Amino acid sequence: MNFDLNTLLLQLIIQAPPLLFALTVHELAHGYVAYRLGDPTAKMAGRLTMNPLKHLDPLGVLAFIIMKIGWAKPVPVDPRYFRNPRKDMLTVALAGPASNVILAVASTALVKLLVYFPILPFAILQPLAHMLVASVWINLMLAVFNLLPIPPLDGSKILMGMLPPQAAYNYAKLEPWGFILVIGLFYTGIIGRLILPIIRFSNNLLLG
């Protein structure tokens, strides 16, 4: 029991910093792109910040600890500010997963840099390398998971931007049931079968 507890604590220490950073960047990317497209809602709500406390969803963090799939508190976006609401919402939705892909690639580059050019003391190098490796997996997980077309995940917003208006409107009605659907799909193993092969393939491709 002690060994399991120690292992869990070690995993949390290694995974917490990259998870907080990944969630923060993901939501900041949504808010910043929306702001650049004319929507000040996230800025007025104080969400254009790198402070993770502004973005954390306790349930999403708990889900990551238990299920290894997590999420942050969605950034508020008001499409009424956009010149082209459907197109701009699609762009805003893509910004989150895209930011995680960029972070995964950057983490890969940094971990390889540390391995091939170990300029830091081993006591610092090893934990940092483990965090960067964890960062690759976490960011890939966030990118792939959020691209699932289940409301209110980013993938649903992307799909809505591509569907005919009436179909998108009807599809959006699923949003109140989205969380229940995600939990159900997780516990039946469907989400794992869908996304884990993609995450593993991408992780192996990056880290070799």
N, C-alpha and C. Protein backbone atom coordinates (compact mmCIF):
# COMPACT_ATOMS: atom_id res chain seq x y z
N MET A 1 0.83 -1.21 0.00
CA MET A 1 0.00 0.00 0.00
C MET A 1 0.87 1.26 0.00
N ASN A 2 1.94 1.25 0.81
CA ASN A 2 2.83 2.40 0.85
C ASN A 2 3.49 2.63 -0.50
N PHE A 3 3.86 1.49 -1.14
CA PHE A 3 4.52 1.61 -2.44
C PHE A 3 3.58 2.26 -3.46
N ASP A 4 2.30 1.82 -3.44
CA ASP A 4 1.32 2.38 -4.36
C ASP A 4 1.11 3.87 -4.10
N LEU A 5 1.02 4.25 -2.82
CA LEU A 5 0.82 5.65 -2.46
C LEU A 5 2.03 6.48 -2.88
N ASN A 6 3.23 5.97 -2.63
CA ASN A 6 4.44 6.68 -3.01
C ASN A 6 4.53 6.85 -4.53
N THR A 7 4.13 5.79 -5.25
CA THR A 7 4.15 5.86 -6.71
C THR A 7 3.17 6.90 -7.22
N LEU A 8 1.97 6.93 -6.61
CA LEU A 8 0.96 7.91 -7.00
C LEU A 8 1.43 9.33 -6.73
N LEU A 9 2.03 9.54 -5.56
CA LEU A 9 2.53 10.88 -5.21
C LEU A 9 3.64 11.31 -6.16
N LEU A 10 4.52 10.38 -6.51
CA LEU A 10 5.61 10.70 -7.44
C LEU A 10 5.04 11.06 -8.81
N GLN A 11 4.04 10.31 -9.26
CA GLN A 11 3.41 10.62 -10.54
C GLN A 11 2.77 12.00 -10.53
N LEU A 12 2.10 12.33 -9.42
CA LEU A 12 1.46 13.63 -9.32
C LEU A 12 2.48 14.77 -9.33
N ILE A 13 3.60 14.57 -8.65
CA ILE A 13 4.65 15.59 -8.61
C ILE A 13 5.23 15.82 -10.00
N ILE A 14 5.40 14.72 -10.76
CA ILE A 14 5.96 14.82 -12.11
C ILE A 14 4.93 15.39 -13.09
N GLN A 15 3.67 14.99 -12.93
CA GLN A 15 2.65 15.34 -13.92
C GLN A 15 1.96 16.67 -13.66
N ALA A 16 1.93 17.12 -12.40
CA ALA A 16 1.17 18.33 -12.07
C ALA A 16 1.65 19.58 -12.81
N PRO A 17 2.97 19.89 -12.82
CA PRO A 17 3.40 21.10 -13.52
C PRO A 17 3.07 21.10 -15.01
N PRO A 18 3.40 20.02 -15.76
CA PRO A 18 3.04 20.06 -17.19
C PRO A 18 1.54 20.06 -17.43
N LEU A 19 0.76 19.41 -16.54
CA LEU A 19 -0.70 19.43 -16.71
C LEU A 19 -1.25 20.83 -16.51
N LEU A 20 -0.83 21.50 -15.45
CA LEU A 20 -1.31 22.86 -15.19
C LEU A 20 -0.92 23.80 -16.32
N PHE A 21 0.30 23.65 -16.81
CA PHE A 21 0.77 24.51 -17.90
C PHE A 21 -0.02 24.23 -19.17
N ALA A 22 -0.24 22.95 -19.47
CA ALA A 22 -0.95 22.57 -20.70
C ALA A 22 -2.40 23.07 -20.67
N LEU A 23 -3.08 22.90 -19.53
CA LEU A 23 -4.46 23.37 -19.42
C LEU A 23 -4.54 24.89 -19.54
N THR A 24 -3.59 25.57 -18.91
CA THR A 24 -3.57 27.04 -18.95
C THR A 24 -3.37 27.55 -20.36
N VAL A 25 -2.38 26.99 -21.05
CA VAL A 25 -2.10 27.43 -22.43
C VAL A 25 -3.28 27.11 -23.34
N HIS A 26 -3.91 25.96 -23.14
CA HIS A 26 -5.06 25.56 -23.96
C HIS A 26 -6.18 26.60 -23.86
N GLU A 27 -6.55 26.96 -22.64
CA GLU A 27 -7.64 27.92 -22.47
C GLU A 27 -7.23 29.34 -22.86
N LEU A 28 -5.98 29.69 -22.57
CA LEU A 28 -5.49 31.01 -22.97
C LEU A 28 -5.53 31.15 -24.49
N ALA A 29 -5.19 30.07 -25.20
CA ALA A 29 -5.21 30.10 -26.67
C ALA A 29 -6.62 30.37 -27.18
N HIS A 30 -7.61 29.70 -26.59
CA HIS A 30 -9.01 29.97 -26.98
C HIS A 30 -9.34 31.45 -26.77
N GLY A 31 -9.05 31.94 -25.56
CA GLY A 31 -9.41 33.31 -25.22
C GLY A 31 -8.67 34.34 -26.05
N TYR A 32 -7.38 34.10 -26.29
CA TYR A 32 -6.58 35.07 -27.05
C TYR A 32 -7.04 35.15 -28.50
N VAL A 33 -7.28 33.99 -29.12
CA VAL A 33 -7.74 33.98 -30.51
C VAL A 33 -9.11 34.66 -30.61
N ALA A 34 -10.00 34.38 -29.65
CA ALA A 34 -11.31 35.04 -29.64
C ALA A 34 -11.14 36.56 -29.51
N TYR A 35 -10.22 36.97 -28.65
CA TYR A 35 -9.95 38.40 -28.46
C TYR A 35 -9.44 39.05 -29.75
N ARG A 36 -8.55 38.35 -30.43
CA ARG A 36 -8.00 38.87 -31.69
C ARG A 36 -9.08 38.95 -32.77
N LEU A 37 -10.10 38.11 -32.63
CA LEU A 37 -11.19 38.12 -33.62
C LEU A 37 -12.31 39.07 -33.22
N GLY A 38 -12.11 39.81 -32.12
CA GLY A 38 -13.06 40.85 -31.75
C GLY A 38 -13.88 40.61 -30.51
N ASP A 39 -13.71 39.46 -29.85
CA ASP A 39 -14.52 39.15 -28.66
C ASP A 39 -13.72 39.44 -27.39
N PRO A 40 -14.12 40.45 -26.61
CA PRO A 40 -13.39 40.80 -25.38
C PRO A 40 -13.86 40.04 -24.15
N THR A 41 -14.77 39.07 -24.32
CA THR A 41 -15.40 38.41 -23.16
C THR A 41 -14.37 37.77 -22.23
N ALA A 42 -13.44 37.00 -22.81
CA ALA A 42 -12.43 36.32 -21.98
C ALA A 42 -11.54 37.33 -21.28
N LYS A 43 -11.19 38.40 -21.97
CA LYS A 43 -10.34 39.44 -21.37
C LYS A 43 -11.05 40.11 -20.20
N MET A 44 -12.32 40.42 -20.38
CA MET A 44 -13.08 41.07 -19.32
C MET A 44 -13.30 40.14 -18.13
N ALA A 45 -13.29 38.84 -18.39
CA ALA A 45 -13.45 37.85 -17.32
C ALA A 45 -12.13 37.52 -16.64
N GLY A 46 -11.04 38.16 -17.08
CA GLY A 46 -9.74 37.91 -16.47
C GLY A 46 -9.12 36.58 -16.87
N ARG A 47 -9.52 36.04 -18.03
CA ARG A 47 -9.05 34.74 -18.43
C ARG A 47 -7.87 34.79 -19.41
N LEU A 48 -7.46 35.97 -19.84
CA LEU A 48 -6.27 36.06 -20.69
C LEU A 48 -5.05 36.17 -19.78
N THR A 49 -4.77 35.10 -19.08
CA THR A 49 -3.70 35.09 -18.09
C THR A 49 -3.05 33.71 -18.04
N MET A 50 -1.79 33.68 -17.61
CA MET A 50 -1.08 32.42 -17.43
C MET A 50 -1.22 31.90 -16.00
N ASN A 51 -2.08 32.53 -15.22
CA ASN A 51 -2.36 32.06 -13.86
C ASN A 51 -3.26 30.82 -13.94
N PRO A 52 -2.75 29.63 -13.60
CA PRO A 52 -3.56 28.41 -13.76
C PRO A 52 -4.80 28.39 -12.89
N LEU A 53 -4.78 29.11 -11.78
CA LEU A 53 -5.94 29.12 -10.88
C LEU A 53 -7.18 29.71 -11.56
N LYS A 54 -6.97 30.57 -12.56
CA LYS A 54 -8.08 31.17 -13.28
C LYS A 54 -8.74 30.18 -14.24
N HIS A 55 -8.02 29.10 -14.58
CA HIS A 55 -8.50 28.18 -15.60
C HIS A 55 -8.86 26.79 -15.07
N LEU A 56 -8.49 26.49 -13.84
CA LEU A 56 -8.66 25.13 -13.33
C LEU A 56 -10.13 24.78 -13.10
N ASP A 57 -10.47 23.58 -13.49
CA ASP A 57 -11.75 22.98 -13.14
C ASP A 57 -11.42 21.81 -12.21
N PRO A 58 -11.76 21.91 -10.92
CA PRO A 58 -11.40 20.84 -9.97
C PRO A 58 -11.84 19.45 -10.45
N LEU A 59 -13.03 19.38 -11.05
CA LEU A 59 -13.52 18.09 -11.54
C LEU A 59 -12.64 17.58 -12.68
N GLY A 60 -12.19 18.49 -13.54
CA GLY A 60 -11.32 18.10 -14.65
C GLY A 60 -9.97 17.59 -14.17
N VAL A 61 -9.43 18.22 -13.13
CA VAL A 61 -8.15 17.78 -12.56
C VAL A 61 -8.33 16.42 -11.89
N LEU A 62 -9.44 16.25 -11.15
CA LEU A 62 -9.72 14.97 -10.50
C LEU A 62 -9.88 13.87 -11.55
N ALA A 63 -10.54 14.21 -12.65
CA ALA A 63 -10.72 13.24 -13.73
C ALA A 63 -9.37 12.81 -14.29
N PHE A 64 -8.43 13.74 -14.38
CA PHE A 64 -7.11 13.38 -14.89
C PHE A 64 -6.40 12.42 -13.94
N ILE A 65 -6.52 12.69 -12.64
CA ILE A 65 -5.87 11.83 -11.65
C ILE A 65 -6.46 10.41 -11.70
N ILE A 66 -7.78 10.33 -11.86
CA ILE A 66 -8.45 9.03 -11.84
C ILE A 66 -8.44 8.36 -13.21
N MET A 67 -8.80 9.12 -14.25
CA MET A 67 -9.03 8.55 -15.58
C MET A 67 -7.91 8.84 -16.57
N LYS A 68 -6.99 9.76 -16.18
CA LYS A 68 -5.93 10.21 -17.09
C LYS A 68 -6.48 10.98 -18.29
N ILE A 69 -7.69 11.51 -18.13
CA ILE A 69 -8.29 12.39 -19.13
C ILE A 69 -8.84 13.59 -18.38
N GLY A 70 -8.39 14.79 -18.72
CA GLY A 70 -8.80 15.95 -17.95
C GLY A 70 -9.18 17.13 -18.82
N TRP A 71 -9.65 18.18 -18.17
CA TRP A 71 -10.06 19.38 -18.88
C TRP A 71 -9.97 20.56 -17.93
N ALA A 72 -10.06 21.76 -18.50
CA ALA A 72 -10.03 23.00 -17.72
C ALA A 72 -11.41 23.66 -17.78
N LYS A 73 -11.55 24.77 -17.07
CA LYS A 73 -12.79 25.54 -17.11
C LYS A 73 -12.84 26.28 -18.44
N PRO A 74 -13.89 26.05 -19.23
CA PRO A 74 -13.94 26.68 -20.57
C PRO A 74 -13.88 28.20 -20.49
N VAL A 75 -13.14 28.78 -21.40
CA VAL A 75 -13.09 30.24 -21.52
C VAL A 75 -14.40 30.72 -22.14
N PRO A 76 -14.99 31.78 -21.57
CA PRO A 76 -16.25 32.29 -22.16
C PRO A 76 -16.00 32.95 -23.51
N VAL A 77 -16.81 32.60 -24.47
CA VAL A 77 -16.70 33.16 -25.83
C VAL A 77 -18.10 33.58 -26.26
N ASP A 78 -18.21 34.80 -26.79
CA ASP A 78 -19.49 35.31 -27.28
C ASP A 78 -19.39 35.53 -28.79
N PRO A 79 -19.95 34.62 -29.59
CA PRO A 79 -19.81 34.72 -31.05
C PRO A 79 -20.49 35.93 -31.66
N ARG A 80 -21.32 36.63 -30.88
CA ARG A 80 -21.98 37.83 -31.42
C ARG A 80 -20.97 38.92 -31.76
N TYR A 81 -19.78 38.84 -31.20
CA TYR A 81 -18.75 39.84 -31.50
C TYR A 81 -18.03 39.54 -32.82
N PHE A 82 -18.16 38.34 -33.33
CA PHE A 82 -17.40 37.94 -34.50
C PHE A 82 -18.05 38.44 -35.79
N ARG A 83 -17.20 38.74 -36.78
CA ARG A 83 -17.71 39.13 -38.10
C ARG A 83 -18.35 37.93 -38.79
N ASN A 84 -17.71 36.78 -38.65
CA ASN A 84 -18.23 35.54 -39.23
C ASN A 84 -18.32 34.50 -38.12
N PRO A 85 -19.44 34.48 -37.39
CA PRO A 85 -19.52 33.66 -36.17
C PRO A 85 -19.16 32.18 -36.38
N ARG A 86 -19.65 31.56 -37.44
CA ARG A 86 -19.39 30.13 -37.65
C ARG A 86 -17.91 29.86 -37.92
N LYS A 87 -17.35 30.64 -38.81
CA LYS A 87 -15.94 30.46 -39.16
C LYS A 87 -15.04 30.81 -37.99
N ASP A 88 -15.34 31.92 -37.31
CA ASP A 88 -14.49 32.37 -36.22
C ASP A 88 -14.58 31.45 -35.00
N MET A 89 -15.77 30.90 -34.73
CA MET A 89 -15.89 29.93 -33.63
C MET A 89 -15.08 28.68 -33.93
N LEU A 90 -15.06 28.26 -35.19
CA LEU A 90 -14.25 27.11 -35.59
C LEU A 90 -12.78 27.40 -35.33
N THR A 91 -12.34 28.61 -35.67
CA THR A 91 -10.94 29.00 -35.46
C THR A 91 -10.60 29.02 -33.97
N VAL A 92 -11.50 29.57 -33.17
CA VAL A 92 -11.29 29.62 -31.71
C VAL A 92 -11.20 28.20 -31.14
N ALA A 93 -12.08 27.33 -31.61
CA ALA A 93 -12.09 25.94 -31.13
C ALA A 93 -10.79 25.22 -31.49
N LEU A 94 -10.27 25.46 -32.68
CA LEU A 94 -9.03 24.82 -33.12
C LEU A 94 -7.82 25.30 -32.32
N ALA A 95 -7.89 26.53 -31.80
CA ALA A 95 -6.73 27.14 -31.14
C ALA A 95 -6.26 26.33 -29.93
N GLY A 96 -7.20 25.77 -29.16
CA GLY A 96 -6.83 25.02 -27.96
C GLY A 96 -6.02 23.77 -28.28
N PRO A 97 -6.59 22.83 -29.08
CA PRO A 97 -5.82 21.64 -29.44
C PRO A 97 -4.53 21.96 -30.18
N ALA A 98 -4.56 23.00 -31.03
CA ALA A 98 -3.34 23.37 -31.76
C ALA A 98 -2.24 23.81 -30.80
N SER A 99 -2.62 24.53 -29.75
CA SER A 99 -1.62 24.98 -28.77
C SER A 99 -1.00 23.79 -28.05
N ASN A 100 -1.80 22.74 -27.80
CA ASN A 100 -1.28 21.55 -27.13
C ASN A 100 -0.34 20.76 -28.04
N VAL A 101 -0.64 20.71 -29.32
CA VAL A 101 0.26 20.05 -30.27
C VAL A 101 1.60 20.78 -30.31
N ILE A 102 1.54 22.11 -30.33
CA ILE A 102 2.78 22.91 -30.34
C ILE A 102 3.58 22.65 -29.06
N LEU A 103 2.89 22.58 -27.91
CA LEU A 103 3.58 22.31 -26.65
C LEU A 103 4.19 20.91 -26.64
N ALA A 104 3.51 19.94 -27.22
CA ALA A 104 4.04 18.57 -27.29
C ALA A 104 5.32 18.53 -28.12
N VAL A 105 5.32 19.23 -29.24
CA VAL A 105 6.52 19.28 -30.10
C VAL A 105 7.65 20.02 -29.39
N ALA A 106 7.30 21.14 -28.72
CA ALA A 106 8.32 21.91 -27.99
C ALA A 106 8.91 21.09 -26.85
N SER A 107 8.07 20.34 -26.13
CA SER A 107 8.54 19.50 -25.03
C SER A 107 9.47 18.41 -25.55
N THR A 108 9.13 17.85 -26.71
CA THR A 108 9.99 16.84 -27.33
C THR A 108 11.36 17.42 -27.64
N ALA A 109 11.38 18.61 -28.24
CA ALA A 109 12.65 19.25 -28.58
C ALA A 109 13.48 19.51 -27.34
N LEU A 110 12.84 19.97 -26.26
CA LEU A 110 13.57 20.27 -25.03
C LEU A 110 14.13 19.02 -24.37
N VAL A 111 13.34 17.94 -24.34
CA VAL A 111 13.83 16.72 -23.69
C VAL A 111 14.99 16.13 -24.47
N LYS A 112 14.94 16.22 -25.79
CA LYS A 112 16.05 15.71 -26.60
C LYS A 112 17.28 16.59 -26.43
N LEU A 113 17.05 17.88 -26.27
CA LEU A 113 18.16 18.80 -26.03
C LEU A 113 18.84 18.48 -24.71
N LEU A 114 18.05 18.19 -23.68
CA LEU A 114 18.61 17.85 -22.37
C LEU A 114 19.38 16.54 -22.41
N VAL A 115 18.86 15.57 -23.19
CA VAL A 115 19.52 14.26 -23.27
C VAL A 115 20.84 14.35 -24.01
N TYR A 116 20.85 15.09 -25.12
CA TYR A 116 22.05 15.14 -25.94
C TYR A 116 23.04 16.21 -25.47
N PHE A 117 22.54 17.22 -24.76
CA PHE A 117 23.43 18.28 -24.26
C PHE A 117 23.11 18.52 -22.77
N PRO A 118 23.50 17.58 -21.91
CA PRO A 118 23.17 17.66 -20.47
C PRO A 118 23.99 18.71 -19.74
N ILE A 119 23.50 19.96 -19.80
CA ILE A 119 24.26 21.05 -19.19
C ILE A 119 23.84 21.29 -17.74
N LEU A 120 22.78 20.62 -17.29
CA LEU A 120 22.30 20.80 -15.91
C LEU A 120 22.78 19.65 -15.03
N PRO A 121 22.89 19.87 -13.71
CA PRO A 121 23.23 18.78 -12.79
C PRO A 121 22.19 17.67 -12.88
N PHE A 122 22.62 16.43 -12.66
CA PHE A 122 21.74 15.27 -12.83
C PHE A 122 20.52 15.36 -11.91
N ALA A 123 20.70 15.91 -10.71
CA ALA A 123 19.60 16.01 -9.74
C ALA A 123 18.47 16.90 -10.27
N ILE A 124 18.81 17.85 -11.14
CA ILE A 124 17.80 18.72 -11.76
C ILE A 124 17.38 18.15 -13.11
N LEU A 125 18.35 17.61 -13.83
CA LEU A 125 18.10 17.12 -15.19
C LEU A 125 17.08 16.00 -15.23
N GLN A 126 17.22 15.02 -14.32
CA GLN A 126 16.34 13.86 -14.37
C GLN A 126 14.87 14.21 -14.12
N PRO A 127 14.53 14.94 -13.03
CA PRO A 127 13.12 15.31 -12.83
C PRO A 127 12.58 16.17 -13.97
N LEU A 128 13.40 17.08 -14.48
CA LEU A 128 12.95 17.95 -15.57
C LEU A 128 12.68 17.14 -16.83
N ALA A 129 13.56 16.18 -17.12
CA ALA A 129 13.37 15.32 -18.29
C ALA A 129 12.07 14.51 -18.15
N HIS A 130 11.82 13.99 -16.94
CA HIS A 130 10.59 13.23 -16.71
C HIS A 130 9.36 14.13 -16.91
N MET A 131 9.43 15.37 -16.45
CA MET A 131 8.31 16.30 -16.62
C MET A 131 8.07 16.60 -18.10
N LEU A 132 9.15 16.75 -18.85
CA LEU A 132 9.01 17.05 -20.28
C LEU A 132 8.43 15.86 -21.04
N VAL A 133 8.86 14.65 -20.66
CA VAL A 133 8.28 13.45 -21.28
C VAL A 133 6.79 13.37 -20.95
N ALA A 134 6.44 13.65 -19.68
CA ALA A 134 5.03 13.67 -19.29
C ALA A 134 4.27 14.75 -20.04
N SER A 135 4.94 15.88 -20.29
CA SER A 135 4.31 16.98 -21.00
C SER A 135 3.92 16.58 -22.41
N VAL A 136 4.75 15.79 -23.06
CA VAL A 136 4.43 15.32 -24.42
C VAL A 136 3.13 14.54 -24.39
N TRP A 137 3.04 13.56 -23.49
CA TRP A 137 1.85 12.71 -23.40
C TRP A 137 0.61 13.53 -23.02
N ILE A 138 0.76 14.39 -22.01
CA ILE A 138 -0.37 15.18 -21.52
C ILE A 138 -0.92 16.09 -22.62
N ASN A 139 -0.03 16.76 -23.34
CA ASN A 139 -0.49 17.67 -24.39
C ASN A 139 -1.12 16.93 -25.56
N LEU A 140 -0.58 15.77 -25.90
CA LEU A 140 -1.20 14.96 -26.94
C LEU A 140 -2.58 14.48 -26.49
N MET A 141 -2.67 14.08 -25.21
CA MET A 141 -3.94 13.63 -24.68
C MET A 141 -4.98 14.74 -24.75
N LEU A 142 -4.60 15.96 -24.33
CA LEU A 142 -5.53 17.08 -24.35
C LEU A 142 -5.95 17.43 -25.77
N ALA A 143 -5.00 17.40 -26.70
CA ALA A 143 -5.32 17.72 -28.09
C ALA A 143 -6.29 16.71 -28.68
N VAL A 144 -5.96 15.42 -28.54
CA VAL A 144 -6.79 14.38 -29.14
C VAL A 144 -8.15 14.28 -28.46
N PHE A 145 -8.15 14.31 -27.12
CA PHE A 145 -9.41 14.21 -26.37
C PHE A 145 -10.35 15.36 -26.73
N ASN A 146 -9.81 16.57 -26.79
CA ASN A 146 -10.65 17.73 -27.06
C ASN A 146 -11.14 17.79 -28.51
N LEU A 147 -10.52 17.03 -29.38
CA LEU A 147 -10.98 16.99 -30.77
C LEU A 147 -12.12 16.00 -30.98
N LEU A 148 -12.49 15.26 -29.93
CA LEU A 148 -13.65 14.38 -30.05
C LEU A 148 -14.90 15.24 -30.31
N PRO A 149 -15.74 14.84 -31.26
CA PRO A 149 -16.92 15.66 -31.60
C PRO A 149 -18.08 15.46 -30.63
N ILE A 150 -17.81 15.65 -29.34
CA ILE A 150 -18.84 15.52 -28.31
C ILE A 150 -19.01 16.87 -27.63
N PRO A 151 -20.18 17.48 -27.71
CA PRO A 151 -20.36 18.76 -27.01
C PRO A 151 -20.11 18.59 -25.52
N PRO A 152 -19.43 19.54 -24.86
CA PRO A 152 -18.96 20.82 -25.40
C PRO A 152 -17.48 20.80 -25.77
N LEU A 153 -16.90 19.64 -26.07
CA LEU A 153 -15.48 19.58 -26.44
C LEU A 153 -15.22 20.36 -27.73
N ASP A 154 -13.96 20.74 -27.93
CA ASP A 154 -13.61 21.57 -29.08
C ASP A 154 -13.99 20.92 -30.40
N GLY A 155 -13.88 19.61 -30.46
CA GLY A 155 -14.23 18.91 -31.69
C GLY A 155 -15.66 19.14 -32.11
N SER A 156 -16.55 19.29 -31.15
CA SER A 156 -17.96 19.54 -31.49
C SER A 156 -18.12 20.93 -32.09
N LYS A 157 -17.36 21.92 -31.57
CA LYS A 157 -17.44 23.27 -32.11
C LYS A 157 -16.88 23.31 -33.54
N ILE A 158 -15.82 22.55 -33.76
CA ILE A 158 -15.24 22.48 -35.10
C ILE A 158 -16.24 21.86 -36.07
N LEU A 159 -16.87 20.77 -35.62
CA LEU A 159 -17.87 20.10 -36.46
C LEU A 159 -19.06 21.01 -36.74
N MET A 160 -19.50 21.75 -35.72
CA MET A 160 -20.63 22.67 -35.90
C MET A 160 -20.32 23.74 -36.94
N GLY A 161 -19.04 24.16 -36.99
CA GLY A 161 -18.65 25.16 -37.96
C GLY A 161 -18.62 24.64 -39.38
N MET A 162 -18.66 23.30 -39.53
CA MET A 162 -18.61 22.68 -40.85
C MET A 162 -19.97 22.16 -41.29
N LEU A 163 -20.89 21.95 -40.35
CA LEU A 163 -22.22 21.44 -40.68
C LEU A 163 -23.12 22.56 -41.23
N PRO A 164 -24.14 22.21 -41.98
CA PRO A 164 -25.15 23.22 -42.35
C PRO A 164 -25.77 23.82 -41.09
N PRO A 165 -26.20 25.08 -41.15
CA PRO A 165 -26.67 25.78 -39.94
C PRO A 165 -27.72 25.02 -39.14
N GLN A 166 -28.74 24.45 -39.80
CA GLN A 166 -29.79 23.75 -39.06
C GLN A 166 -29.26 22.50 -38.38
N ALA A 167 -28.39 21.77 -39.08
CA ALA A 167 -27.79 20.56 -38.50
C ALA A 167 -26.91 20.94 -37.30
N ALA A 168 -26.16 22.05 -37.43
CA ALA A 168 -25.31 22.51 -36.34
C ALA A 168 -26.16 22.90 -35.13
N TYR A 169 -27.29 23.55 -35.39
CA TYR A 169 -28.19 23.96 -34.30
C TYR A 169 -28.74 22.75 -33.56
N ASN A 170 -29.15 21.74 -34.30
CA ASN A 170 -29.68 20.52 -33.69
C ASN A 170 -28.59 19.78 -32.92
N TYR A 171 -27.40 19.77 -33.48
CA TYR A 171 -26.27 19.08 -32.84
C TYR A 171 -25.90 19.75 -31.52
N ALA A 172 -25.99 21.09 -31.49
CA ALA A 172 -25.65 21.84 -30.28
C ALA A 172 -26.58 21.51 -29.12
N LYS A 173 -27.76 20.97 -29.42
CA LYS A 173 -28.72 20.63 -28.35
C LYS A 173 -28.22 19.47 -27.49
N LEU A 174 -27.18 18.76 -27.97
CA LEU A 174 -26.62 17.66 -27.19
C LEU A 174 -25.74 18.14 -26.04
N GLU A 175 -25.38 19.42 -26.05
CA GLU A 175 -24.39 19.93 -25.10
C GLU A 175 -24.75 19.67 -23.63
N PRO A 176 -26.01 19.83 -23.20
CA PRO A 176 -26.31 19.56 -21.78
C PRO A 176 -26.02 18.12 -21.36
N TRP A 177 -25.98 17.20 -22.34
CA TRP A 177 -25.75 15.79 -22.04
C TRP A 177 -24.31 15.38 -22.31
N GLY A 178 -23.49 16.33 -22.74
CA GLY A 178 -22.13 16.01 -23.17
C GLY A 178 -21.28 15.37 -22.10
N PHE A 179 -21.31 15.94 -20.89
CA PHE A 179 -20.47 15.42 -19.82
C PHE A 179 -20.86 13.99 -19.46
N ILE A 180 -22.17 13.75 -19.38
CA ILE A 180 -22.65 12.40 -19.07
C ILE A 180 -22.21 11.43 -20.16
N LEU A 181 -22.28 11.89 -21.41
CA LEU A 181 -21.88 11.05 -22.54
C LEU A 181 -20.39 10.72 -22.47
N VAL A 182 -19.56 11.71 -22.12
CA VAL A 182 -18.12 11.48 -22.01
C VAL A 182 -17.82 10.45 -20.92
N ILE A 183 -18.45 10.62 -19.75
CA ILE A 183 -18.23 9.67 -18.65
C ILE A 183 -18.67 8.27 -19.05
N GLY A 184 -19.82 8.17 -19.70
CA GLY A 184 -20.31 6.87 -20.13
C GLY A 184 -19.38 6.21 -21.14
N LEU A 185 -18.91 6.99 -22.10
CA LEU A 185 -18.00 6.45 -23.11
C LEU A 185 -16.66 6.06 -22.50
N PHE A 186 -16.25 6.79 -21.45
CA PHE A 186 -15.00 6.42 -20.79
C PHE A 186 -15.13 5.08 -20.08
N TYR A 187 -16.19 4.95 -19.29
CA TYR A 187 -16.34 3.73 -18.48
C TYR A 187 -16.66 2.50 -19.32
N THR A 188 -17.18 2.71 -20.50
CA THR A 188 -17.38 1.56 -21.40
C THR A 188 -16.12 1.24 -22.20
N GLY A 189 -15.11 2.10 -22.05
CA GLY A 189 -13.83 1.86 -22.73
C GLY A 189 -13.79 2.37 -24.15
N ILE A 190 -14.88 2.98 -24.62
CA ILE A 190 -14.93 3.43 -26.02
C ILE A 190 -13.96 4.58 -26.27
N ILE A 191 -13.91 5.55 -25.34
CA ILE A 191 -13.00 6.68 -25.53
C ILE A 191 -11.56 6.20 -25.58
N GLY A 192 -11.21 5.29 -24.66
CA GLY A 192 -9.85 4.77 -24.65
C GLY A 192 -9.49 4.10 -25.97
N ARG A 193 -10.43 3.28 -26.50
CA ARG A 193 -10.15 2.59 -27.76
C ARG A 193 -10.04 3.57 -28.92
N LEU A 194 -10.72 4.72 -28.81
CA LEU A 194 -10.67 5.71 -29.88
C LEU A 194 -9.39 6.54 -29.86
N ILE A 195 -9.03 7.02 -28.67
CA ILE A 195 -7.95 8.01 -28.63
C ILE A 195 -6.58 7.47 -28.24
N LEU A 196 -6.53 6.39 -27.45
CA LEU A 196 -5.23 5.91 -26.98
C LEU A 196 -4.30 5.47 -28.11
N PRO A 197 -4.80 4.76 -29.14
CA PRO A 197 -3.89 4.41 -30.24
C PRO A 197 -3.30 5.64 -30.93
N ILE A 198 -4.10 6.70 -31.07
CA ILE A 198 -3.61 7.93 -31.70
C ILE A 198 -2.57 8.59 -30.82
N ILE A 199 -2.84 8.64 -29.51
CA ILE A 199 -1.90 9.28 -28.57
C ILE A 199 -0.59 8.49 -28.53
N ARG A 200 -0.69 7.16 -28.44
CA ARG A 200 0.52 6.34 -28.38
C ARG A 200 1.34 6.49 -29.66
N PHE A 201 0.66 6.45 -30.81
CA PHE A 201 1.37 6.59 -32.09
C PHE A 201 2.08 7.93 -32.16
N SER A 202 1.38 9.01 -31.79
CA SER A 202 1.96 10.35 -31.84
C SER A 202 3.11 10.49 -30.85
N ASN A 203 2.93 9.92 -29.65
CA ASN A 203 3.96 9.98 -28.61
C ASN A 203 5.23 9.26 -29.08
N ASN A 204 5.05 8.06 -29.65
CA ASN A 204 6.20 7.30 -30.15
C ASN A 204 6.86 8.01 -31.34
N LEU A 205 6.04 8.65 -32.17
CA LEU A 205 6.58 9.38 -33.31
C LEU A 205 7.47 10.52 -32.86
N LEU A 206 7.04 11.23 -31.81
CA LEU A 206 7.79 12.38 -31.32
C LEU A 206 9.03 11.96 -30.52
N LEU A 207 8.84 11.04 -29.58
CA LEU A 207 9.93 10.68 -28.67
C LEU A 207 10.79 9.53 -29.19
N GLY A 208 10.27 8.83 -30.17
CA GLY A 208 11.05 7.72 -30.75
C GLY A 208 11.26 6.61 -29.78
